[in-house]
Every structure is written in structure tokens, then in C-alpha cells.
Amino acid sequence: MAKSFRCQDAGVVCRAEVTGETEEEVLAKAVEHARTAHGVDLAQSTTLANFARSVIRDDGKS
């Protein structure tokens, strides 16, 4: 089942959504999006990365 991450679910005012086949793929895309779009380096913060991982959902579920 595909996975997705939405910035809105993390409390960020942003309409971006990234999807992938695995949680790791989605997290990698979310980290890149956070860095380029928001200037936040999730790779440097375990707490932020874990939070981002916690809001990854199976596609079709909120």
C-alpha cells in the first residue's frame, strides 16, 4: 500500500503532499521538501524527523 505525507498534517501551512511505496521513501522525499521549500533540515534533528515519520499515512487514510 502506498504511503503519503502532507505538510498540513504536520501543522505547516503548505499544500505539499509526497507519496511513495515505503515509509522510508516518503520520509526521504519529505526531508528534501522541508529543506528546499521551508529551509528546515529534518536530517539534522531526530525529534523533527521522528515527528515527520509519525504523520506518514497509508494512502486513503487521514
PDB file of N, CA and C in Angstrom:
ATOM      1  N   MET A   1       0.843  -1.175   0.000  1.00  0.00           N
ATOM      2  CA  MET A   1       0.000   0.000   0.000  1.00  0.00           C
ATOM      3  C   MET A   1       0.890   1.240   0.000  1.00  0.00           C
ATOM      4  N   ALA A   2       0.550   2.199  -0.810  1.00  0.00           N
ATOM      5  CA  ALA A   2       1.319   3.438  -0.911  1.00  0.00           C
ATOM      6  C   ALA A   2       1.180   4.245   0.376  1.00  0.00           C
ATOM      7  N   LYS A   3       2.170   5.083   0.641  1.00  0.00           N
ATOM      8  CA  LYS A   3       2.217   5.932   1.825  1.00  0.00           C
ATOM      9  C   LYS A   3       2.234   7.384   1.383  1.00  0.00           C
ATOM     10  N   SER A   4       1.803   8.290   2.290  1.00  0.00           N
ATOM     11  CA  SER A   4       1.839   9.709   1.953  1.00  0.00           C
ATOM     12  C   SER A   4       2.131  10.554   3.187  1.00  0.00           C
ATOM     13  N   PHE A   5       2.647  11.735   2.925  1.00  0.00           N
ATOM     14  CA  PHE A   5       2.939  12.740   3.955  1.00  0.00           C
ATOM     15  C   PHE A   5       2.431  14.071   3.439  1.00  0.00           C
ATOM     16  N   ARG A   6       1.666  14.774   4.265  1.00  0.00           N
ATOM     17  CA  ARG A   6       1.190  16.111   3.918  1.00  0.00           C
ATOM     18  C   ARG A   6       1.716  17.095   4.948  1.00  0.00           C
ATOM     19  N   CYS A   7       2.246  18.206   4.485  1.00  0.00           N
ATOM     20  CA  CYS A   7       2.734  19.235   5.392  1.00  0.00           C
ATOM     21  C   CYS A   7       1.628  19.669   6.346  1.00  0.00           C
ATOM     22  N   GLN A   8       0.407  19.779   5.842  1.00  0.00           N
ATOM     23  CA  GLN A   8      -0.722  20.195   6.681  1.00  0.00           C
ATOM     24  C   GLN A   8      -0.876  19.295   7.900  1.00  0.00           C
ATOM     25  N   ASP A   9      -0.644  18.003   7.742  1.00  0.00           N
ATOM     26  CA  ASP A   9      -0.770  17.067   8.855  1.00  0.00           C
ATOM     27  C   ASP A   9       0.291  17.307   9.922  1.00  0.00           C
ATOM     28  N   ALA A  10       1.374  17.972   9.537  1.00  0.00           N
ATOM     29  CA  ALA A  10       2.443  18.292  10.476  1.00  0.00           C
ATOM     30  C   ALA A  10       2.280  19.700  11.045  1.00  0.00           C
ATOM     31  N   GLY A  11       1.164  20.356  10.694  1.00  0.00           N
ATOM     32  CA  GLY A  11       0.898  21.683  11.231  1.00  0.00           C
ATOM     33  C   GLY A  11       1.541  22.810  10.458  1.00  0.00           C
ATOM     34  N   VAL A  12       2.014  22.526   9.248  1.00  0.00           N
ATOM     35  CA  VAL A  12       2.661  23.533   8.421  1.00  0.00           C
ATOM     36  C   VAL A  12       1.654  24.030   7.383  1.00  0.00           C
ATOM     37  N   VAL A  13       1.600  25.346   7.199  1.00  0.00           N
ATOM     38  CA  VAL A  13       0.704  25.920   6.202  1.00  0.00           C
ATOM     39  C   VAL A  13       1.359  25.722   4.830  1.00  0.00           C
ATOM     40  N   CYS A  14       1.031  24.603   4.215  1.00  0.00           N
ATOM     41  CA  CYS A  14       1.622  24.214   2.938  1.00  0.00           C
ATOM     42  C   CYS A  14       0.736  23.128   2.355  1.00  0.00           C
ATOM     43  N   ARG A  15       0.509  23.168   1.062  1.00  0.00           N
ATOM     44  CA  ARG A  15      -0.353  22.178   0.414  1.00  0.00           C
ATOM     45  C   ARG A  15       0.422  20.987  -0.153  1.00  0.00           C
ATOM     46  N   ALA A  16       1.708  20.921   0.125  1.00  0.00           N
ATOM     47  CA  ALA A  16       2.522  19.843  -0.440  1.00  0.00           C
ATOM     48  C   ALA A  16       2.126  18.482   0.130  1.00  0.00           C
ATOM     49  N   GLU A  17       2.194  17.498  -0.744  1.00  0.00           N
ATOM     50  CA  GLU A  17       1.989  16.108  -0.354  1.00  0.00           C
ATOM     51  C   GLU A  17       3.007  15.275  -1.107  1.00  0.00           C
ATOM     52  N   VAL A  18       3.698  14.404  -0.392  1.00  0.00           N
ATOM     53  CA  VAL A  18       4.642  13.493  -1.041  1.00  0.00           C
ATOM     54  C   VAL A  18       4.140  12.070  -0.826  1.00  0.00           C
ATOM     55  N   THR A  19       4.374  11.240  -1.804  1.00  0.00           N
ATOM     56  CA  THR A  19       3.929   9.856  -1.732  1.00  0.00           C
ATOM     57  C   THR A  19       5.065   8.922  -2.112  1.00  0.00           C
ATOM     58  N   GLY A  20       4.929   7.684  -1.723  1.00  0.00           N
ATOM     59  CA  GLY A  20       5.908   6.669  -2.065  1.00  0.00           C
ATOM     60  C   GLY A  20       5.387   5.302  -1.684  1.00  0.00           C
ATOM     61  N   GLU A  21       6.128   4.293  -2.029  1.00  0.00           N
ATOM     62  CA  GLU A  21       5.731   2.919  -1.748  1.00  0.00           C
ATOM     63  C   GLU A  21       6.067   2.506  -0.325  1.00  0.00           C
ATOM     64  N   THR A  22       7.096   3.118   0.259  1.00  0.00           N
ATOM     65  CA  THR A  22       7.518   2.756   1.609  1.00  0.00           C
ATOM     66  C   THR A  22       7.611   4.001   2.481  1.00  0.00           C
ATOM     67  N   GLU A  23       7.591   3.799   3.790  1.00  0.00           N
ATOM     68  CA  GLU A  23       7.738   4.894   4.728  1.00  0.00           C
ATOM     69  C   GLU A  23       9.094   5.590   4.537  1.00  0.00           C
ATOM     70  N   GLU A  24      10.131   4.815   4.295  1.00  0.00           N
ATOM     71  CA  GLU A  24      11.471   5.376   4.104  1.00  0.00           C
ATOM     72  C   GLU A  24      11.526   6.281   2.866  1.00  0.00           C
ATOM     73  N   GLU A  25      10.873   5.852   1.783  1.00  0.00           N
ATOM     74  CA  GLU A  25      10.834   6.654   0.561  1.00  0.00           C
ATOM     75  C   GLU A  25      10.091   7.971   0.798  1.00  0.00           C
ATOM     76  N   VAL A  26       8.960   7.897   1.484  1.00  0.00           N
ATOM     77  CA  VAL A  26       8.189   9.101   1.770  1.00  0.00           C
ATOM     78  C   VAL A  26       8.974  10.027   2.691  1.00  0.00           C
ATOM     79  N   LEU A  27       9.607   9.478   3.705  1.00  0.00           N
ATOM     80  CA  LEU A  27      10.388  10.303   4.625  1.00  0.00           C
ATOM     81  C   LEU A  27      11.528  11.001   3.896  1.00  0.00           C
ATOM     82  N   ALA A  28      12.207  10.305   2.998  1.00  0.00           N
ATOM     83  CA  ALA A  28      13.293  10.922   2.230  1.00  0.00           C
ATOM     84  C   ALA A  28      12.774  12.085   1.389  1.00  0.00           C
ATOM     85  N   LYS A  29      11.616  11.910   0.768  1.00  0.00           N
ATOM     86  CA  LYS A  29      11.023  12.988  -0.029  1.00  0.00           C
ATOM     87  C   LYS A  29      10.575  14.143   0.861  1.00  0.00           C
ATOM     88  N   ALA A  30      10.018  13.823   2.035  1.00  0.00           N
ATOM     89  CA  ALA A  30       9.580  14.865   2.970  1.00  0.00           C
ATOM     90  C   ALA A  30      10.776  15.667   3.491  1.00  0.00           C
ATOM     91  N   VAL A  31      11.871  14.990   3.772  1.00  0.00           N
ATOM     92  CA  VAL A  31      13.089  15.670   4.229  1.00  0.00           C
ATOM     93  C   VAL A  31      13.579  16.633   3.153  1.00  0.00           C
ATOM     94  N   GLU A  32      13.593  16.191   1.912  1.00  0.00           N
ATOM     95  CA  GLU A  32      14.032  17.051   0.808  1.00  0.00           C
ATOM     96  C   GLU A  32      13.082  18.231   0.631  1.00  0.00           C
ATOM     97  N   HIS A  33      11.780  17.986   0.703  1.00  0.00           N
ATOM     98  CA  HIS A  33      10.801  19.070   0.568  1.00  0.00           C
ATOM     99  C   HIS A  33      10.974  20.083   1.698  1.00  0.00           C
ATOM    100  N   ALA A  34      11.123  19.612   2.922  1.00  0.00           N
ATOM    101  CA  ALA A  34      11.288  20.517   4.072  1.00  0.00           C
ATOM    102  C   ALA A  34      12.524  21.388   3.895  1.00  0.00           C
ATOM    103  N   ARG A  35      13.587  20.796   3.376  1.00  0.00           N
ATOM    104  CA  ARG A  35      14.832  21.543   3.177  1.00  0.00           C
ATOM    105  C   ARG A  35      14.678  22.600   2.092  1.00  0.00           C
ATOM    106  N   THR A  36      14.120  22.221   0.951  1.00  0.00           N
ATOM    107  CA  THR A  36      14.054  23.153  -0.180  1.00  0.00           C
ATOM    108  C   THR A  36      12.925  24.160  -0.057  1.00  0.00           C
ATOM    109  N   ALA A  37      11.774  23.743   0.447  1.00  0.00           N
ATOM    110  CA  ALA A  37      10.616  24.635   0.491  1.00  0.00           C
ATOM    111  C   ALA A  37      10.509  25.444   1.780  1.00  0.00           C
ATOM    112  N   HIS A  38      10.996  24.859   2.881  1.00  0.00           N
ATOM    113  CA  HIS A  38      10.793  25.505   4.176  1.00  0.00           C
ATOM    114  C   HIS A  38      12.093  25.886   4.893  1.00  0.00           C
ATOM    115  N   GLY A  39      13.228  25.496   4.326  1.00  0.00           N
ATOM    116  CA  GLY A  39      14.511  25.829   4.947  1.00  0.00           C
ATOM    117  C   GLY A  39      14.766  25.086   6.245  1.00  0.00           C
ATOM    118  N   VAL A  40      14.136  23.927   6.407  1.00  0.00           N
ATOM    119  CA  VAL A  40      14.286  23.122   7.617  1.00  0.00           C
ATOM    120  C   VAL A  40      15.012  21.840   7.258  1.00  0.00           C
ATOM    121  N   ASP A  41      16.069  21.538   7.988  1.00  0.00           N
ATOM    122  CA  ASP A  41      16.841  20.327   7.725  1.00  0.00           C
ATOM    123  C   ASP A  41      16.441  19.244   8.718  1.00  0.00           C
ATOM    124  N   LEU A  42      15.449  18.436   8.344  1.00  0.00           N
ATOM    125  CA  LEU A  42      14.972  17.371   9.219  1.00  0.00           C
ATOM    126  C   LEU A  42      16.056  16.334   9.491  1.00  0.00           C
ATOM    127  N   ALA A  43      17.008  16.223   8.593  1.00  0.00           N
ATOM    128  CA  ALA A  43      18.081  15.247   8.763  1.00  0.00           C
ATOM    129  C   ALA A  43      18.978  15.606   9.943  1.00  0.00           C
ATOM    130  N   GLN A  44      18.958  16.859  10.365  1.00  0.00           N
ATOM    131  CA  GLN A  44      19.793  17.307  11.483  1.00  0.00           C
ATOM    132  C   GLN A  44      19.071  17.208  12.825  1.00  0.00           C
ATOM    133  N   SER A  45      17.792  16.867  12.808  1.00  0.00           N
ATOM    134  CA  SER A  45      17.014  16.806  14.047  1.00  0.00           C
ATOM    135  C   SER A  45      16.253  15.491  14.130  1.00  0.00           C
ATOM    136  N   THR A  46      16.667  14.641  15.037  1.00  0.00           N
ATOM    137  CA  THR A  46      15.989  13.361  15.231  1.00  0.00           C
ATOM    138  C   THR A  46      14.548  13.573  15.664  1.00  0.00           C
ATOM    139  N   THR A  47      14.317  14.557  16.515  1.00  0.00           N
ATOM    140  CA  THR A  47      12.963  14.821  17.001  1.00  0.00           C
ATOM    141  C   THR A  47      12.039  15.210  15.857  1.00  0.00           C
ATOM    142  N   LEU A  48      12.482  16.142  14.997  1.00  0.00           N
ATOM    143  CA  LEU A  48      11.655  16.557  13.866  1.00  0.00           C
ATOM    144  C   LEU A  48      11.457  15.417  12.878  1.00  0.00           C
ATOM    145  N   ALA A  49      12.493  14.655  12.627  1.00  0.00           N
ATOM    146  CA  ALA A  49      12.375  13.525  11.700  1.00  0.00           C
ATOM    147  C   ALA A  49      11.396  12.487  12.241  1.00  0.00           C
ATOM    148  N   ASN A  50      11.451  12.217  13.534  1.00  0.00           N
ATOM    149  CA  ASN A  50      10.512  11.260  14.131  1.00  0.00           C
ATOM    150  C   ASN A  50       9.086  11.785  14.071  1.00  0.00           C
ATOM    151  N   PHE A  51       8.913  13.090  14.271  1.00  0.00           N
ATOM    152  CA  PHE A  51       7.580  13.672  14.158  1.00  0.00           C
ATOM    153  C   PHE A  51       7.063  13.532  12.727  1.00  0.00           C
ATOM    154  N   ALA A  52       7.913  13.848  11.753  1.00  0.00           N
ATOM    155  CA  ALA A  52       7.511  13.714  10.345  1.00  0.00           C
ATOM    156  C   ALA A  52       7.122  12.266  10.052  1.00  0.00           C
ATOM    157  N   ARG A  53       7.893  11.332  10.561  1.00  0.00           N
ATOM    158  CA  ARG A  53       7.596   9.909  10.347  1.00  0.00           C
ATOM    159  C   ARG A  53       6.234   9.554  10.960  1.00  0.00           C
ATOM    160  N   SER A  54       5.893  10.181  12.089  1.00  0.00           N
ATOM    161  CA  SER A  54       4.638   9.837  12.780  1.00  0.00           C
ATOM    162  C   SER A  54       3.396  10.290  12.016  1.00  0.00           C
ATOM    163  N   VAL A  55       3.525  11.246  11.099  1.00  0.00           N
ATOM    164  CA  VAL A  55       2.349  11.698  10.354  1.00  0.00           C
ATOM    165  C   VAL A  55       2.273  11.114   8.940  1.00  0.00           C
ATOM    166  N   ILE A  56       3.166  10.186   8.632  1.00  0.00           N
ATOM    167  CA  ILE A  56       3.058   9.449   7.369  1.00  0.00           C
ATOM    168  C   ILE A  56       1.874   8.496   7.486  1.00  0.00           C
ATOM    169  N   ARG A  57       1.044   8.485   6.468  1.00  0.00           N
ATOM    170  CA  ARG A  57      -0.183   7.682   6.485  1.00  0.00           C
ATOM    171  C   ARG A  57      -0.232   6.747   5.281  1.00  0.00           C
ATOM    172  N   ASP A  58      -1.008   5.681   5.429  1.00  0.00           N
ATOM    173  CA  ASP A  58      -1.334   4.850   4.282  1.00  0.00           C
ATOM    174  C   ASP A  58      -2.237   5.691   3.391  1.00  0.00           C
ATOM    175  N   ASP A  59      -2.005   5.664   2.068  1.00  0.00           N
ATOM    176  CA  ASP A  59      -2.840   6.438   1.158  1.00  0.00           C
ATOM    177  C   ASP A  59      -4.310   6.087   1.366  1.00  0.00           C
ATOM    178  N   GLY A  60      -5.126   7.131   1.354  1.00  0.00           N
ATOM    179  CA  GLY A  60      -6.551   6.947   1.517  1.00  0.00           C
ATOM    180  C   GLY A  60      -7.016   7.037   2.954  1.00  0.00           C
ATOM    181  N   LYS A  61      -6.064   7.168   3.903  1.00  0.00           N
ATOM    182  CA  LYS A  61      -6.418   7.293   5.323  1.00  0.00           C
ATOM    183  C   LYS A  61      -5.918   8.629   5.834  1.00  0.00           C
ATOM    184  N   SER A  62      -6.671   9.258   6.737  1.00  0.00           N
ATOM    185  CA  SER A  62      -6.239  10.526   7.323  1.00  0.00           C
ATOM    186  C   SER A  62      -6.131  10.419   8.820  1.00  0.00           C
TER     187      SER A  62
END
